[in-house]
Amino acid sequence: MFHKEPLNNRLSKCLLQSAMLLSLCTAPAFASTQQVLGWVEEGLILPENLAVKFKLDTGALTSSMHAEDIERFKKDGEDWVRFNIELEDIATNKQVNAQFERQVERAIKVRGAGGAERRPVVLMKVCLGNQVYEEQFSLNDRDRMNYPVLVGRRTLEKVGLVDSNKTFTAKPDCAKSASSA
């Protein structure tokens, strides 16, 4: 006797097979249009062109940047921060100290082993690969961290794909895009 499979099971299987076939056809095209970077890359903090290690972290939502001496203040009724970035430029092996002032876009609450803290989030321009990105970065003293800049998923969706087996795949080269940004 012939057993007939319910319609919803056949439809589900058909949809699943169609989705798998579509993903096989589009994955190579998608991968070829997106840059593929390693989990650690050299990037530039702009406009100073400060070359530092960027960790591309798919586990973090918001990007984070090393900042010291964070001072909050009001400017034209808006919340602003003044902060220093004191790091070794990996391109020149020289210690660089740059001061920035940025308007606060928002604040985030970060929970960790030591408790919770609120961090300001500002717009910063960075060069990664051959593109300039103006993205939101939370400010935090990352002196004890291996990487002064952490790039989270909100930025990574614009940057491209991350290959966790690779590091330092692309030298930052944003001369053309920096002049237009």
C-alpha atoms as a PDB file:
ATOM      1  CA  MET A   1       0.000   0.000   0.000  1.00  0.00           C
ATOM      2  CA  PHE A   2       1.291   3.465  -0.910  1.00  0.00           C
ATOM      3  CA  HIS A   3       1.745   5.893   2.014  1.00  0.00           C
ATOM      4  CA  LYS A   4       1.154   9.491   1.037  1.00  0.00           C
ATOM      5  CA  GLU A   5       3.233  12.124   2.874  1.00  0.00           C
ATOM      6  CA  PRO A   6       1.234  15.069   4.308  1.00  0.00           C
ATOM      7  CA  LEU A   7       1.230  18.169   2.099  1.00  0.00           C
ATOM      8  CA  ASN A   8       2.863  20.434   4.704  1.00  0.00           C
ATOM      9  CA  ASN A   9       5.853  18.034   5.034  1.00  0.00           C
ATOM     10  CA  ARG A  10       6.334  17.908   1.260  1.00  0.00           C
ATOM     11  CA  LEU A  11       6.067  21.701   1.056  1.00  0.00           C
ATOM     12  CA  SER A  12       8.617  22.143   3.876  1.00  0.00           C
ATOM     13  CA  LYS A  13      11.062  19.799   2.155  1.00  0.00           C
ATOM     14  CA  CYS A  14      10.605  21.590  -1.153  1.00  0.00           C
ATOM     15  CA  LEU A  15      11.216  24.997   0.453  1.00  0.00           C
ATOM     16  CA  LEU A  16      14.295  23.699   2.262  1.00  0.00           C
ATOM     17  CA  GLN A  17      15.741  22.231  -0.949  1.00  0.00           C
ATOM     18  CA  SER A  18      15.048  25.477  -2.817  1.00  0.00           C
ATOM     19  CA  ALA A  19      16.762  27.532  -0.110  1.00  0.00           C
ATOM     20  CA  MET A  20      19.803  25.235  -0.150  1.00  0.00           C
ATOM     21  CA  LEU A  21      20.057  25.446  -3.933  1.00  0.00           C
ATOM     22  CA  LEU A  22      19.711  29.240  -3.857  1.00  0.00           C
ATOM     23  CA  SER A  23      22.420  29.571  -1.187  1.00  0.00           C
ATOM     24  CA  LEU A  24      24.807  27.445  -3.263  1.00  0.00           C
ATOM     25  CA  CYS A  25      24.225  29.701  -6.266  1.00  0.00           C
ATOM     26  CA  THR A  26      24.506  33.028  -4.445  1.00  0.00           C
ATOM     27  CA  ALA A  27      27.247  32.296  -1.881  1.00  0.00           C
ATOM     28  CA  PRO A  28      30.148  32.479  -4.377  1.00  0.00           C
ATOM     29  CA  ALA A  29      28.795  35.727  -5.848  1.00  0.00           C
ATOM     30  CA  PHE A  30      28.347  37.252  -2.385  1.00  0.00           C
ATOM     31  CA  ALA A  31      31.824  36.171  -1.244  1.00  0.00           C
ATOM     32  CA  SER A  32      33.466  37.627  -4.336  1.00  0.00           C
ATOM     33  CA  THR A  33      31.869  41.059  -3.809  1.00  0.00           C
ATOM     34  CA  GLN A  34      32.747  41.320  -0.109  1.00  0.00           C
ATOM     35  CA  GLN A  35      36.277  41.754   1.167  1.00  0.00           C
ATOM     36  CA  VAL A  36      37.441  38.906   3.391  1.00  0.00           C
ATOM     37  CA  LEU A  37      39.589  39.974   6.335  1.00  0.00           C
ATOM     38  CA  GLY A  38      41.289  38.086   9.130  1.00  0.00           C
ATOM     39  CA  TRP A  39      40.230  38.218  12.770  1.00  0.00           C
ATOM     40  CA  VAL A  40      43.099  40.664  13.441  1.00  0.00           C
ATOM     41  CA  GLU A  41      43.977  43.392  10.942  1.00  0.00           C
ATOM     42  CA  GLU A  42      46.079  46.535  10.822  1.00  0.00           C
ATOM     43  CA  GLY A  43      43.810  49.553  10.636  1.00  0.00           C
ATOM     44  CA  LEU A  44      44.137  53.326  10.832  1.00  0.00           C
ATOM     45  CA  ILE A  45      42.479  55.723  13.246  1.00  0.00           C
ATOM     46  CA  LEU A  46      41.715  58.836  11.233  1.00  0.00           C
ATOM     47  CA  PRO A  47      42.472  61.655  10.690  1.00  0.00           C
ATOM     48  CA  GLU A  48      45.828  61.020  12.452  1.00  0.00           C
ATOM     49  CA  ASN A  49      46.525  57.864  10.388  1.00  0.00           C
ATOM     50  CA  LEU A  50      47.498  56.066  13.591  1.00  0.00           C
ATOM     51  CA  ALA A  51      48.198  52.428  12.638  1.00  0.00           C
ATOM     52  CA  VAL A  52      47.017  49.946  15.292  1.00  0.00           C
ATOM     53  CA  LYS A  53      45.781  46.374  15.552  1.00  0.00           C
ATOM     54  CA  PHE A  54      42.024  45.970  15.047  1.00  0.00           C
ATOM     55  CA  LYS A  55      40.328  42.852  16.395  1.00  0.00           C
ATOM     56  CA  LEU A  56      37.335  41.903  14.238  1.00  0.00           C
ATOM     57  CA  ASP A  57      35.046  40.442  16.880  1.00  0.00           C
ATOM     58  CA  THR A  58      31.860  38.754  15.701  1.00  0.00           C
ATOM     59  CA  GLY A  59      30.921  38.188  19.358  1.00  0.00           C
ATOM     60  CA  ALA A  60      30.660  41.921  20.107  1.00  0.00           C
ATOM     61  CA  LEU A  61      27.747  44.035  18.929  1.00  0.00           C
ATOM     62  CA  THR A  62      29.234  47.519  19.330  1.00  0.00           C
ATOM     63  CA  SER A  63      32.754  48.490  18.304  1.00  0.00           C
ATOM     64  CA  SER A  64      35.077  49.782  21.011  1.00  0.00           C
ATOM     65  CA  MET A  65      38.165  51.994  20.950  1.00  0.00           C
ATOM     66  CA  HIS A  66      40.898  52.649  23.476  1.00  0.00           C
ATOM     67  CA  ALA A  67      40.511  56.057  25.145  1.00  0.00           C
ATOM     68  CA  GLU A  68      42.137  57.620  28.193  1.00  0.00           C
ATOM     69  CA  ASP A  69      41.295  60.660  30.306  1.00  0.00           C
ATOM     70  CA  ILE A  70      37.678  60.718  29.140  1.00  0.00           C
ATOM     71  CA  GLU A  71      36.165  64.056  30.092  1.00  0.00           C
ATOM     72  CA  ARG A  72      32.474  64.762  29.540  1.00  0.00           C
ATOM     73  CA  PHE A  73      31.344  68.322  28.819  1.00  0.00           C
ATOM     74  CA  LYS A  74      28.553  70.334  27.213  1.00  0.00           C
ATOM     75  CA  LYS A  75      28.968  72.119  23.892  1.00  0.00           C
ATOM     76  CA  ASP A  76      26.065  74.107  22.443  1.00  0.00           C
ATOM     77  CA  GLY A  77      23.760  72.245  24.841  1.00  0.00           C
ATOM     78  CA  GLU A  78      24.888  68.828  23.557  1.00  0.00           C
ATOM     79  CA  ASP A  79      26.835  66.096  25.360  1.00  0.00           C
ATOM     80  CA  TRP A  80      30.459  65.849  24.202  1.00  0.00           C
ATOM     81  CA  VAL A  81      33.596  64.024  25.333  1.00  0.00           C
ATOM     82  CA  ARG A  82      37.265  64.895  25.162  1.00  0.00           C
ATOM     83  CA  PHE A  83      39.697  61.963  25.299  1.00  0.00           C
ATOM     84  CA  ASN A  84      43.249  60.948  24.533  1.00  0.00           C
ATOM     85  CA  ILE A  85      44.460  58.044  22.472  1.00  0.00           C
ATOM     86  CA  GLU A  86      47.979  57.123  23.523  1.00  0.00           C
ATOM     87  CA  LEU A  87      49.231  54.111  21.590  1.00  0.00           C
ATOM     88  CA  GLU A  88      52.185  52.729  19.727  1.00  0.00           C
ATOM     89  CA  ASP A  89      51.830  53.233  15.985  1.00  0.00           C
ATOM     90  CA  ILE A  90      52.671  49.769  14.622  1.00  0.00           C
ATOM     91  CA  ALA A  91      53.751  51.235  11.263  1.00  0.00           C
ATOM     92  CA  THR A  92      56.433  53.498  12.805  1.00  0.00           C
ATOM     93  CA  ASN A  93      56.967  51.828  16.223  1.00  0.00           C
ATOM     94  CA  LYS A  94      56.575  55.280  17.805  1.00  0.00           C
ATOM     95  CA  GLN A  95      54.381  56.253  20.734  1.00  0.00           C
ATOM     96  CA  VAL A  96      51.624  58.627  19.583  1.00  0.00           C
ATOM     97  CA  ASN A  97      49.334  60.738  21.736  1.00  0.00           C
ATOM     98  CA  ALA A  98      46.331  62.339  20.057  1.00  0.00           C
ATOM     99  CA  GLN A  99      43.466  64.247  21.634  1.00  0.00           C
ATOM    100  CA  PHE A 100      39.946  64.058  20.246  1.00  0.00           C
ATOM    101  CA  GLU A 101      36.654  65.817  20.922  1.00  0.00           C
ATOM    102  CA  ARG A 102      33.476  64.142  19.737  1.00  0.00           C
ATOM    103  CA  GLN A 103      29.767  64.563  20.266  1.00  0.00           C
ATOM    104  CA  VAL A 104      28.260  61.713  22.259  1.00  0.00           C
ATOM    105  CA  GLU A 105      25.897  59.726  20.020  1.00  0.00           C
ATOM    106  CA  ARG A 106      24.562  57.594  22.855  1.00  0.00           C
ATOM    107  CA  ALA A 107      25.706  55.761  25.959  1.00  0.00           C
ATOM    108  CA  ILE A 108      25.795  52.021  26.486  1.00  0.00           C
ATOM    109  CA  LYS A 109      25.739  49.940  29.627  1.00  0.00           C
ATOM    110  CA  VAL A 110      28.445  47.270  29.623  1.00  0.00           C
ATOM    111  CA  ARG A 111      28.298  44.383  32.063  1.00  0.00           C
ATOM    112  CA  GLY A 112      31.411  42.465  32.987  1.00  0.00           C
ATOM    113  CA  ALA A 113      32.967  40.491  35.810  1.00  0.00           C
ATOM    114  CA  GLY A 114      33.683  43.732  37.676  1.00  0.00           C
ATOM    115  CA  GLY A 115      30.078  44.963  37.443  1.00  0.00           C
ATOM    116  CA  ALA A 116      28.326  47.335  35.060  1.00  0.00           C
ATOM    117  CA  GLU A 117      29.471  50.671  33.701  1.00  0.00           C
ATOM    118  CA  ARG A 118      28.146  53.272  31.261  1.00  0.00           C
ATOM    119  CA  ARG A 119      30.356  54.196  28.322  1.00  0.00           C
ATOM    120  CA  PRO A 120      30.003  57.042  25.828  1.00  0.00           C
ATOM    121  CA  VAL A 121      29.628  56.119  22.170  1.00  0.00           C
ATOM    122  CA  VAL A 122      31.061  58.483  19.544  1.00  0.00           C
ATOM    123  CA  LEU A 123      31.499  58.556  15.769  1.00  0.00           C
ATOM    124  CA  MET A 124      35.077  57.884  14.641  1.00  0.00           C
ATOM    125  CA  LYS A 125      36.600  57.454  11.209  1.00  0.00           C
ATOM    126  CA  VAL A 126      38.786  54.424  10.648  1.00  0.00           C
ATOM    127  CA  CYS A 127      40.460  52.837   7.642  1.00  0.00           C
ATOM    128  CA  LEU A 128      40.204  49.080   7.277  1.00  0.00           C
ATOM    129  CA  GLY A 129      41.400  47.441   4.083  1.00  0.00           C
ATOM    130  CA  ASN A 130      40.800  50.026   1.396  1.00  0.00           C
ATOM    131  CA  GLN A 131      37.711  51.678   2.868  1.00  0.00           C
ATOM    132  CA  VAL A 132      37.055  54.518   5.305  1.00  0.00           C
ATOM    133  CA  TYR A 133      34.249  53.853   7.754  1.00  0.00           C
ATOM    134  CA  GLU A 134      32.627  56.403  10.048  1.00  0.00           C
ATOM    135  CA  GLU A 135      31.198  54.229  12.762  1.00  0.00           C
ATOM    136  CA  GLN A 136      30.081  54.289  16.378  1.00  0.00           C
ATOM    137  CA  PHE A 137      32.701  53.278  18.944  1.00  0.00           C
ATOM    138  CA  SER A 138      32.267  52.986  22.682  1.00  0.00           C
ATOM    139  CA  LEU A 139      35.180  54.561  24.537  1.00  0.00           C
ATOM    140  CA  ASN A 140      37.022  52.553  27.147  1.00  0.00           C
ATOM    141  CA  ASP A 141      40.532  52.280  28.564  1.00  0.00           C
ATOM    142  CA  ARG A 142      41.792  49.176  26.745  1.00  0.00           C
ATOM    143  CA  ASP A 143      45.393  49.392  28.022  1.00  0.00           C
ATOM    144  CA  ARG A 144      45.186  45.881  29.433  1.00  0.00           C
ATOM    145  CA  MET A 145      43.733  44.503  26.189  1.00  0.00           C
ATOM    146  CA  ASN A 146      45.800  43.090  23.324  1.00  0.00           C
ATOM    147  CA  TYR A 147      43.933  45.128  20.722  1.00  0.00           C
ATOM    148  CA  PRO A 148      43.203  48.850  21.089  1.00  0.00           C
ATOM    149  CA  VAL A 149      40.317  48.719  18.605  1.00  0.00           C
ATOM    150  CA  LEU A 150      37.591  46.109  18.604  1.00  0.00           C
ATOM    151  CA  VAL A 151      35.282  46.059  15.575  1.00  0.00           C
ATOM    152  CA  GLY A 152      31.835  44.675  16.388  1.00  0.00           C
ATOM    153  CA  ARG A 153      29.018  43.246  14.282  1.00  0.00           C
ATOM    154  CA  ARG A 154      27.300  46.580  13.593  1.00  0.00           C
ATOM    155  CA  THR A 155      30.422  47.678  11.725  1.00  0.00           C
ATOM    156  CA  LEU A 156      31.386  44.266  10.361  1.00  0.00           C
ATOM    157  CA  GLU A 157      28.146  44.027   8.390  1.00  0.00           C
ATOM    158  CA  LYS A 158      29.479  46.945   6.292  1.00  0.00           C
ATOM    159  CA  VAL A 159      33.118  45.771   6.213  1.00  0.00           C
ATOM    160  CA  GLY A 160      32.799  42.237   4.861  1.00  0.00           C
ATOM    161  CA  LEU A 161      33.498  38.695   5.912  1.00  0.00           C
ATOM    162  CA  VAL A 162      35.839  37.539   8.698  1.00  0.00           C
ATOM    163  CA  ASP A 163      38.026  34.467   8.241  1.00  0.00           C
ATOM    164  CA  SER A 164      38.943  33.298  11.744  1.00  0.00           C
ATOM    165  CA  ASN A 165      41.940  31.357  10.376  1.00  0.00           C
ATOM    166  CA  LYS A 166      43.660  34.481   9.042  1.00  0.00           C
ATOM    167  CA  THR A 167      45.344  37.614  10.367  1.00  0.00           C
ATOM    168  CA  PHE A 168      46.782  40.715   8.707  1.00  0.00           C
ATOM    169  CA  THR A 169      45.361  40.030   5.249  1.00  0.00           C
ATOM    170  CA  ALA A 170      45.093  43.639   4.034  1.00  0.00           C
ATOM    171  CA  LYS A 171      47.306  46.670   4.622  1.00  0.00           C
ATOM    172  CA  PRO A 172      45.170  49.764   5.188  1.00  0.00           C
ATOM    173  CA  ASP A 173      45.156  51.850   2.019  1.00  0.00           C
ATOM    174  CA  CYS A 174      42.506  54.561   2.166  1.00  0.00           C
ATOM    175  CA  ALA A 175      44.282  57.435   0.453  1.00  0.00           C
ATOM    176  CA  LYS A 176      41.648  57.725  -2.301  1.00  0.00           C
ATOM    177  CA  SER A 177      38.593  57.112  -0.126  1.00  0.00           C
ATOM    178  CA  ALA A 178      39.946  59.294   2.732  1.00  0.00           C
ATOM    179  CA  SER A 179      40.040  62.350   0.486  1.00  0.00           C
ATOM    180  CA  SER A 180      36.404  61.830  -0.495  1.00  0.00           C
ATOM    181  CA  ALA A 181      35.169  60.937   2.996  1.00  0.00           C
END
